[in-house]
Protein backbone atom coordinates (compact mmCIF):
# COMPACT_ATOMS: atom_id res chain seq x y z
CA UNK A 1 85.17 93.92 87.07
CA UNK A 2 86.77 96.52 89.36
CA UNK A 3 90.02 97.89 87.92
CA UNK A 4 92.61 99.84 89.86
CA UNK A 5 96.18 100.97 89.39
CA UNK A 6 98.85 102.10 91.80
CA UNK A 7 97.95 105.77 91.55
CA UNK A 8 94.30 105.18 92.41
CA UNK A 9 95.39 103.86 95.84
CA UNK A 10 96.93 107.22 96.78
CA UNK A 11 93.87 109.15 97.96
CA UNK A 12 94.19 112.37 99.95
CA UNK A 13 93.65 112.26 103.71
CA UNK A 14 90.38 113.76 104.97
CA UNK A 15 90.73 117.53 105.40
CA UNK A 16 88.80 117.48 108.67
CA UNK A 17 91.52 115.42 110.33
CA UNK A 18 94.17 117.92 109.26
CA UNK A 19 92.67 120.49 111.63
CA UNK A 20 93.48 118.41 114.71
CA UNK A 21 96.79 118.08 116.51
CA UNK A 22 98.49 115.23 114.72
CA UNK A 23 101.48 112.95 115.07
CA UNK A 24 103.09 112.56 111.67
CA UNK A 25 106.28 110.94 110.53
CA UNK A 26 108.12 108.58 108.23
CA UNK A 27 109.84 105.36 109.24
CA UNK A 28 111.40 102.56 107.29
CA UNK A 29 113.59 99.51 107.21
CA UNK A 30 116.03 97.65 104.97
CA UNK A 31 115.95 93.86 105.18
CA UNK A 32 118.59 91.55 103.70
CA UNK A 33 118.15 87.77 103.63
CA UNK A 34 120.74 85.23 102.50
CA UNK A 35 119.44 81.68 102.06
CA UNK A 36 120.08 78.17 100.80
CA UNK A 37 117.39 75.77 99.54
CA UNK A 38 118.29 72.16 98.70
CA UNK A 39 115.07 71.63 96.66
CA UNK A 40 114.06 74.98 95.19
CA UNK A 41 111.39 73.61 92.81
CA UNK A 42 110.08 71.23 95.48
CA UNK A 43 110.14 68.21 93.17
CA UNK A 44 111.23 64.57 93.51
CA UNK A 45 114.54 65.34 91.78
CA UNK A 46 115.98 68.01 94.07
CA UNK A 47 117.87 71.02 92.70
CA UNK A 48 119.54 73.48 95.08
CA UNK A 49 120.23 77.20 94.94
CA UNK A 50 121.51 80.15 96.93
CA UNK A 51 119.23 83.15 97.27
CA UNK A 52 119.49 86.81 98.23
CA UNK A 53 116.53 89.08 98.97
CA UNK A 54 116.77 92.84 99.53
CA UNK A 55 113.58 94.50 100.81
CA UNK A 56 113.47 98.26 101.46
CA UNK A 57 110.26 99.40 103.19
CA UNK A 58 108.97 102.92 103.82
CA UNK A 59 105.94 103.92 105.94
CA UNK A 60 104.35 107.33 106.32
CA UNK A 61 101.85 107.78 109.16
CA UNK A 62 99.37 110.38 110.40
CA UNK A 63 97.68 110.01 113.80
CA UNK A 64 95.19 111.95 115.89
CA UNK A 65 92.94 110.88 118.75
CA UNK A 66 90.09 110.14 116.33
CA UNK A 67 91.87 109.20 113.09
CA UNK A 68 94.93 107.19 112.09
CA UNK A 69 96.40 106.57 108.67
CA UNK A 70 99.52 104.77 107.46
CA UNK A 71 100.78 104.24 103.93
CA UNK A 72 103.42 101.53 103.47
CA UNK A 73 105.36 100.70 100.34
CA UNK A 74 108.05 98.09 99.78
CA UNK A 75 109.76 96.13 97.04
CA UNK A 76 111.35 92.68 97.41
CA UNK A 77 114.32 92.28 95.05
CA UNK A 78 115.05 88.54 94.72
CA UNK A 79 118.06 86.90 93.13
CA UNK A 80 118.90 83.17 92.78
CA UNK A 81 122.29 81.70 91.92
CA UNK A 82 121.06 78.69 89.91
CA UNK A 83 117.57 79.82 88.87
CA UNK A 84 118.02 83.30 87.43
CA UNK A 85 114.77 82.92 85.48
CA UNK A 86 112.98 83.26 88.84
CA UNK A 87 114.65 86.60 89.66
CA UNK A 88 112.01 89.20 90.43
CA UNK A 89 111.16 92.62 91.85
CA UNK A 90 107.90 92.40 93.81
CA UNK A 91 106.27 95.68 94.90
CA UNK A 92 103.74 96.00 97.72
CA UNK A 93 101.59 98.95 98.68
CA UNK A 94 99.09 99.15 101.53
CA UNK A 95 97.02 101.96 103.04
CA UNK A 96 95.40 101.46 106.43
CA UNK A 97 92.98 103.92 108.00
CA UNK A 98 90.86 103.99 111.16
CA UNK A 99 88.21 106.39 112.41
CA UNK A 100 87.79 106.12 116.19
CA UNK A 101 84.70 107.13 118.14
CA UNK A 102 83.61 106.53 121.73
CA UNK A 103 81.59 103.40 120.88
CA UNK A 104 82.50 102.75 117.25
CA UNK A 105 85.48 101.96 115.06
CA UNK A 106 85.53 102.24 111.27
CA UNK A 107 88.58 100.88 109.43
CA UNK A 108 89.58 100.72 105.77
CA UNK A 109 92.44 98.70 104.29
CA UNK A 110 93.47 99.08 100.65
CA UNK A 111 96.30 97.10 99.13
CA UNK A 112 98.20 96.17 95.99
CA UNK A 113 100.80 93.42 95.68
CA UNK A 114 102.74 91.90 92.80
CA UNK A 115 104.30 88.58 93.78
CA UNK A 116 105.44 85.26 92.39
CA UNK A 117 102.66 82.66 92.52
CA UNK A 118 105.09 80.11 93.99
CA UNK A 119 105.10 82.15 97.21
CA UNK A 120 101.48 81.10 97.78
CA UNK A 121 102.00 77.51 96.60
CA UNK A 122 101.61 76.04 100.09
CA UNK A 123 98.02 77.30 100.43
CA UNK A 124 97.21 77.23 96.70
CA UNK A 125 98.04 74.21 94.50
CA UNK A 126 101.44 73.15 95.84
CA UNK A 127 103.20 74.06 92.57
CA UNK A 128 106.58 75.59 93.47
CA UNK A 129 107.93 75.40 89.90
CA UNK A 130 105.52 77.89 88.35
CA UNK A 131 106.91 81.17 87.04
CA UNK A 132 103.52 82.82 87.12
CA UNK A 133 103.22 86.33 88.56
CA UNK A 134 100.04 87.45 90.31
CA UNK A 135 98.80 91.00 90.87
CA UNK A 136 96.42 91.27 93.82
CA UNK A 137 94.11 94.19 94.61
CA UNK A 138 92.27 94.34 97.94
CA UNK A 139 89.64 96.65 99.41
CA UNK A 140 88.38 95.86 102.92
CA UNK A 141 86.28 98.22 105.09
CA UNK A 142 85.04 97.11 108.52
CA UNK A 143 82.76 98.64 111.17
CA UNK A 144 82.50 97.70 114.85
CA UNK A 145 79.98 99.13 117.30
CA UNK A 146 79.51 98.68 121.06
CA UNK A 147 75.75 98.23 121.46
CA UNK A 148 75.71 97.86 125.24
CA UNK A 149 78.22 97.24 127.99
CA UNK A 150 78.04 93.52 127.16
CA UNK A 151 77.15 93.39 123.46
CA UNK A 152 79.07 94.41 120.33
CA UNK A 153 78.47 93.88 116.61
CA UNK A 154 80.66 94.09 113.54
CA UNK A 155 80.19 94.37 109.79
CA UNK A 156 82.88 93.54 107.22
CA UNK A 157 83.18 93.80 103.45
CA UNK A 158 86.00 92.51 101.30
CA UNK A 159 86.91 92.70 97.63
CA UNK A 160 89.88 90.82 96.19
CA UNK A 161 90.97 90.65 92.56
CA UNK A 162 93.82 88.52 91.21
CA UNK A 163 95.36 88.82 87.74
CA UNK A 164 97.89 86.22 86.56
CA UNK A 165 100.65 86.70 84.00
CA UNK A 166 100.09 83.28 82.39
CA UNK A 167 96.91 81.69 81.06
CA UNK A 168 97.60 78.49 83.03
CA UNK A 169 95.90 80.17 86.00
CA UNK A 170 92.42 81.66 86.19
CA UNK A 171 91.99 85.37 86.85
CA UNK A 172 89.48 85.72 89.66
CA UNK A 173 87.67 88.14 91.92
CA UNK A 174 85.67 87.68 95.09
CA UNK A 175 83.24 89.76 97.15
CA UNK A 176 82.47 88.95 100.77
CA UNK A 177 80.05 90.42 103.29
CA UNK A 178 80.06 89.37 106.94
CA UNK A 179 78.50 90.14 110.28
CA UNK A 180 79.52 89.14 113.80
CA UNK A 181 78.10 89.46 117.32
CA UNK A 182 79.79 89.10 120.71
CA UNK A 183 78.17 88.98 124.16
CA UNK A 184 80.11 89.12 127.44
CA UNK A 185 78.38 86.37 129.39
CA UNK A 186 80.74 86.74 132.35
CA UNK A 187 84.19 88.03 133.18
CA UNK A 188 85.67 84.88 131.65
CA UNK A 189 83.22 83.89 128.89
CA UNK A 190 82.30 85.66 125.63
CA UNK A 191 79.64 84.17 123.34
CA UNK A 192 80.20 84.66 119.59
CA UNK A 193 78.23 84.28 116.34
CA UNK A 194 79.39 84.84 112.74
CA UNK A 195 77.49 84.94 109.44
CA UNK A 196 79.00 85.63 106.00
CA UNK A 197 78.40 85.44 102.25
CA UNK A 198 81.06 85.20 99.53
CA UNK A 199 80.79 85.34 95.75
CA UNK A 200 83.81 83.95 93.87
CA UNK A 201 84.22 84.20 90.07
CA UNK A 202 87.09 82.80 88.01
CA UNK A 203 87.81 83.03 84.28
CA UNK A 204 90.08 80.41 82.70
CA UNK A 205 90.89 79.55 79.10
CA UNK A 206 88.40 76.70 78.93
CA UNK A 207 86.31 77.02 82.10
CA UNK A 208 84.50 79.76 83.96
CA UNK A 209 83.25 79.23 87.51
CA UNK A 210 80.87 81.11 89.78
CA UNK A 211 80.51 80.14 93.45
CA UNK A 212 78.13 81.48 96.09
CA UNK A 213 79.25 80.48 99.59
CA UNK A 214 77.35 81.01 102.85
CA UNK A 215 78.95 80.45 106.26
CA UNK A 216 77.41 80.37 109.74
CA UNK A 217 79.17 79.58 113.02
CA UNK A 218 78.59 79.78 116.79
CA UNK A 219 81.11 79.59 119.59
CA UNK A 220 82.72 81.22 122.58
CA UNK A 221 85.92 82.58 124.06
CA UNK A 222 86.88 81.34 127.52
CA UNK A 223 89.63 82.99 129.56
CA UNK A 224 91.01 80.54 132.12
CA UNK A 225 93.24 83.28 133.45
CA UNK A 226 94.96 86.45 132.34
CA UNK A 227 97.54 84.24 130.60
CA UNK A 228 95.42 81.49 129.03
CA UNK A 229 92.46 81.68 126.65
CA UNK A 230 90.69 79.55 124.05
CA UNK A 231 88.26 80.51 121.27
CA UNK A 232 86.20 77.87 119.48
CA UNK A 233 83.72 78.37 116.62
CA UNK A 234 81.80 75.56 114.94
CA UNK A 235 79.39 75.82 112.05
CA UNK A 236 78.55 74.93 108.46
CA UNK A 237 79.03 76.21 104.93
CA UNK A 238 76.89 75.89 101.82
CA UNK A 239 78.12 76.33 98.26
CA UNK A 240 76.17 76.85 95.02
CA UNK A 241 78.58 76.21 92.14
CA UNK A 242 78.14 76.88 88.42
CA UNK A 243 80.81 75.74 85.96
CA UNK A 244 80.73 76.71 82.30
CA UNK A 245 82.77 75.08 79.54
CA UNK A 246 83.67 77.98 77.27
CA UNK A 247 84.56 75.80 74.27
CA UNK A 248 81.37 73.72 74.37
CA UNK A 249 79.18 76.49 75.79
CA UNK A 250 77.78 74.07 78.37
CA UNK A 251 77.07 74.72 82.05
CA UNK A 252 76.71 72.46 85.08
CA UNK A 253 75.34 73.38 88.49
CA UNK A 254 75.79 71.74 91.88
CA UNK A 255 75.12 72.38 95.56
CA UNK A 256 77.44 71.25 98.35
CA UNK A 257 77.58 71.63 102.12
CA UNK A 258 80.25 70.99 104.72
CA UNK A 259 81.46 71.72 108.22
CA UNK A 260 83.22 74.85 109.44
CA UNK A 261 85.59 75.06 112.41
CA UNK A 262 88.01 77.48 114.04
CA UNK A 263 89.83 76.82 117.33
CA UNK A 264 92.56 79.03 118.80
CA UNK A 265 94.47 78.58 122.07
CA UNK A 266 97.11 80.82 123.64
CA UNK A 267 99.09 80.64 126.87
CA UNK A 268 101.72 83.00 128.23
CA UNK A 269 104.21 82.39 131.00
CA UNK A 270 106.99 84.57 132.31
CA UNK A 271 109.35 83.81 129.41
CA UNK A 272 107.33 81.66 126.99
CA UNK A 273 104.34 82.12 124.68
CA UNK A 274 102.46 79.09 123.35
CA UNK A 275 99.78 79.06 120.66
CA UNK A 276 97.85 76.46 118.71
CA UNK A 277 95.08 76.73 116.13
CA UNK A 278 92.96 74.51 113.93
CA UNK A 279 90.62 75.55 111.12
CA UNK A 280 88.44 73.99 108.44
CA UNK A 281 87.01 76.14 105.66
CA UNK A 282 86.57 76.50 101.90
CA UNK A 283 89.41 78.19 100.04
CA UNK A 284 89.54 79.34 96.37
CA UNK A 285 92.52 78.28 94.23
CA UNK A 286 94.29 79.74 91.21
CA UNK A 287 92.78 77.10 88.90
CA UNK A 288 89.27 78.41 89.64
CA UNK A 289 88.25 75.59 91.98
CA UNK A 290 87.12 75.98 95.60
CA UNK A 291 88.68 73.37 97.90
CA UNK A 292 88.10 72.32 101.49
CA UNK A 293 91.18 72.93 103.64
CA UNK A 294 92.11 71.71 107.11
CA UNK A 295 94.96 73.59 108.80
CA UNK A 296 96.79 73.01 112.07
CA UNK A 297 99.46 75.37 113.44
CA UNK A 298 101.60 75.14 116.58
CA UNK A 299 103.96 77.75 117.96
CA UNK A 300 106.31 78.36 120.87
CA UNK A 301 108.38 81.46 121.58
CA UNK A 302 110.93 81.66 124.40
CA UNK A 303 112.52 84.92 125.52
CA UNK A 304 116.16 84.10 126.17
CA UNK A 305 116.84 87.66 127.31
CA UNK A 306 115.60 91.19 126.73
CA UNK A 307 117.45 91.17 123.41
CA UNK A 308 117.11 87.62 122.07
CA UNK A 309 114.45 84.96 121.56
CA UNK A 310 113.99 81.44 120.18
CA UNK A 311 110.89 80.26 118.30
CA UNK A 312 109.63 76.90 117.10
CA UNK A 313 106.69 76.78 114.69
CA UNK A 314 104.98 73.92 112.89
CA UNK A 315 102.08 73.64 110.48
CA UNK A 316 100.05 71.02 108.64
CA UNK A 317 97.60 71.59 105.79
CA UNK A 318 95.25 69.21 104.00
CA UNK A 319 93.58 70.38 100.78
CA UNK A 320 90.81 68.23 99.28
CA UNK A 321 88.70 68.28 96.14
CA UNK A 322 86.70 65.66 94.20
CA UNK A 323 89.76 64.04 92.58
CA UNK A 324 92.80 64.64 94.78
CA UNK A 325 94.06 65.16 98.31
CA UNK A 326 97.23 67.16 99.02
CA UNK A 327 99.04 67.41 102.36
CA UNK A 328 101.75 69.89 103.28
CA UNK A 329 103.72 70.04 106.54
CA UNK A 330 106.53 72.24 107.83
CA UNK A 331 108.59 72.82 110.96
CA UNK A 332 110.64 75.97 111.52
CA UNK A 333 113.00 76.75 114.42
CA UNK A 334 114.40 80.29 114.45
CA UNK A 335 116.58 82.60 116.54
CA UNK A 336 116.46 86.41 116.69
CA UNK A 337 118.74 88.89 118.43
CA UNK A 338 118.54 92.65 118.64
CA UNK A 339 122.07 93.91 118.04
CA UNK A 340 121.19 97.55 118.64
CA UNK A 341 118.15 99.78 118.79
CA UNK A 342 117.94 99.81 115.00
CA UNK A 343 119.62 96.53 113.98
CA UNK A 344 118.23 92.98 114.32
CA UNK A 345 119.80 89.68 113.21
CA UNK A 346 118.02 86.36 112.79
CA UNK A 347 118.61 82.79 111.62
CA UNK A 348 115.99 80.24 110.56
CA UNK A 349 115.72 76.65 109.38
CA UNK A 350 112.69 75.27 107.49
CA UNK A 351 111.84 71.66 106.75
CA UNK A 352 108.92 71.20 104.35
CA UNK A 353 107.18 68.06 103.14
CA UNK A 354 104.40 67.59 100.58
CA UNK A 355 102.48 64.60 99.28
CA UNK A 356 99.47 64.24 97.03
CA UNK A 357 97.31 61.46 95.60
CA UNK A 358 99.04 59.34 92.91
CA UNK A 359 102.14 61.55 92.81
CA UNK A 360 105.60 61.25 94.40
CA UNK A 361 106.24 63.18 97.59
CA UNK A 362 108.80 65.97 97.91
CA UNK A 363 110.71 67.60 100.75
CA UNK A 364 113.12 70.48 101.18
CA UNK A 365 115.53 71.98 103.69
CA UNK A 366 116.04 75.74 103.83
CA UNK A 367 118.47 77.85 105.84
CA UNK A 368 118.17 81.62 106.07
CA UNK A 369 120.04 84.46 107.75
CA UNK A 370 118.36 87.84 107.98
CA UNK A 371 119.59 91.33 108.89
CA UNK A 372 117.10 94.19 109.38
CA UNK A 373 118.01 97.84 109.81
CA UNK A 374 115.24 100.20 110.98
CA UNK A 375 115.29 103.97 110.69
């Protein structure tokens, strides 16, 4: 198992890049968010709370014509009026690099986050009452190369490790390797093909799982105009799963297959931007299982003026395994206004709804006001 700490993420910049004329600097922001949630635990018996989140962020960057690097650190300090046991300080650290050549691009993203598991509950298990904390380490290099005037290829690698503070969740790590190809068939049409492999391992108190997942998809991007485009990819996935009962020292193996889909649509007008997407894929969960998820998102952004905008976003998610189906939906209108060159104010409302097999449904209403100062 790959082990890192915060200091191992701070690696020196390549000396060769130091010899070039560079643009260097430091920028940052301070975000304050005041909110109200009428069902904080997202349960049938609603309990409300006020919340305050203070998030200072600092970014140092280094840029030349052939190399860019940025190191960003932040900490989210969260306080709740009626649920002080959920108070937390969540640090984040990310380092992004890119090496740029005439026909090639090599990028490397390294990250560390420490967050409350309930923040990922929508995509994970839907448990908003957990007090579990998760540490996440990521390492993701990628390489893209322009083969010809019409053809390009890409290679990606990803490593993710998650460590949980409580034994109710399964520590896990995953490796993924992918390749993609794109061919410009015409000025409007781009053909695409993707192929990937993922290994996912999880260690729980009673069960250990090991999943090998292969994905293959074909599709295209079609540009109706400079303002409208759609990308559609369809394919299949195959999963080899091994589950081991630690207490009984018994193992079971199974093979499954399913469909894979990704559709994205965007349209821009003079003042509005519209987007819609649908996806179906396999997604690992904190209990060690790999579930099939369908996700639909819709978005609209309207520029009221040069300084203000209104947005309306909605999403729907369906998570399915052998024993249960869970559905989660949300709708979020928001308003943002730039008060000055360095100060932005925003307000947002969120309605969320969740239901699952043989369990009562839950819903919540959230109101937030946010003030961001950039320097």
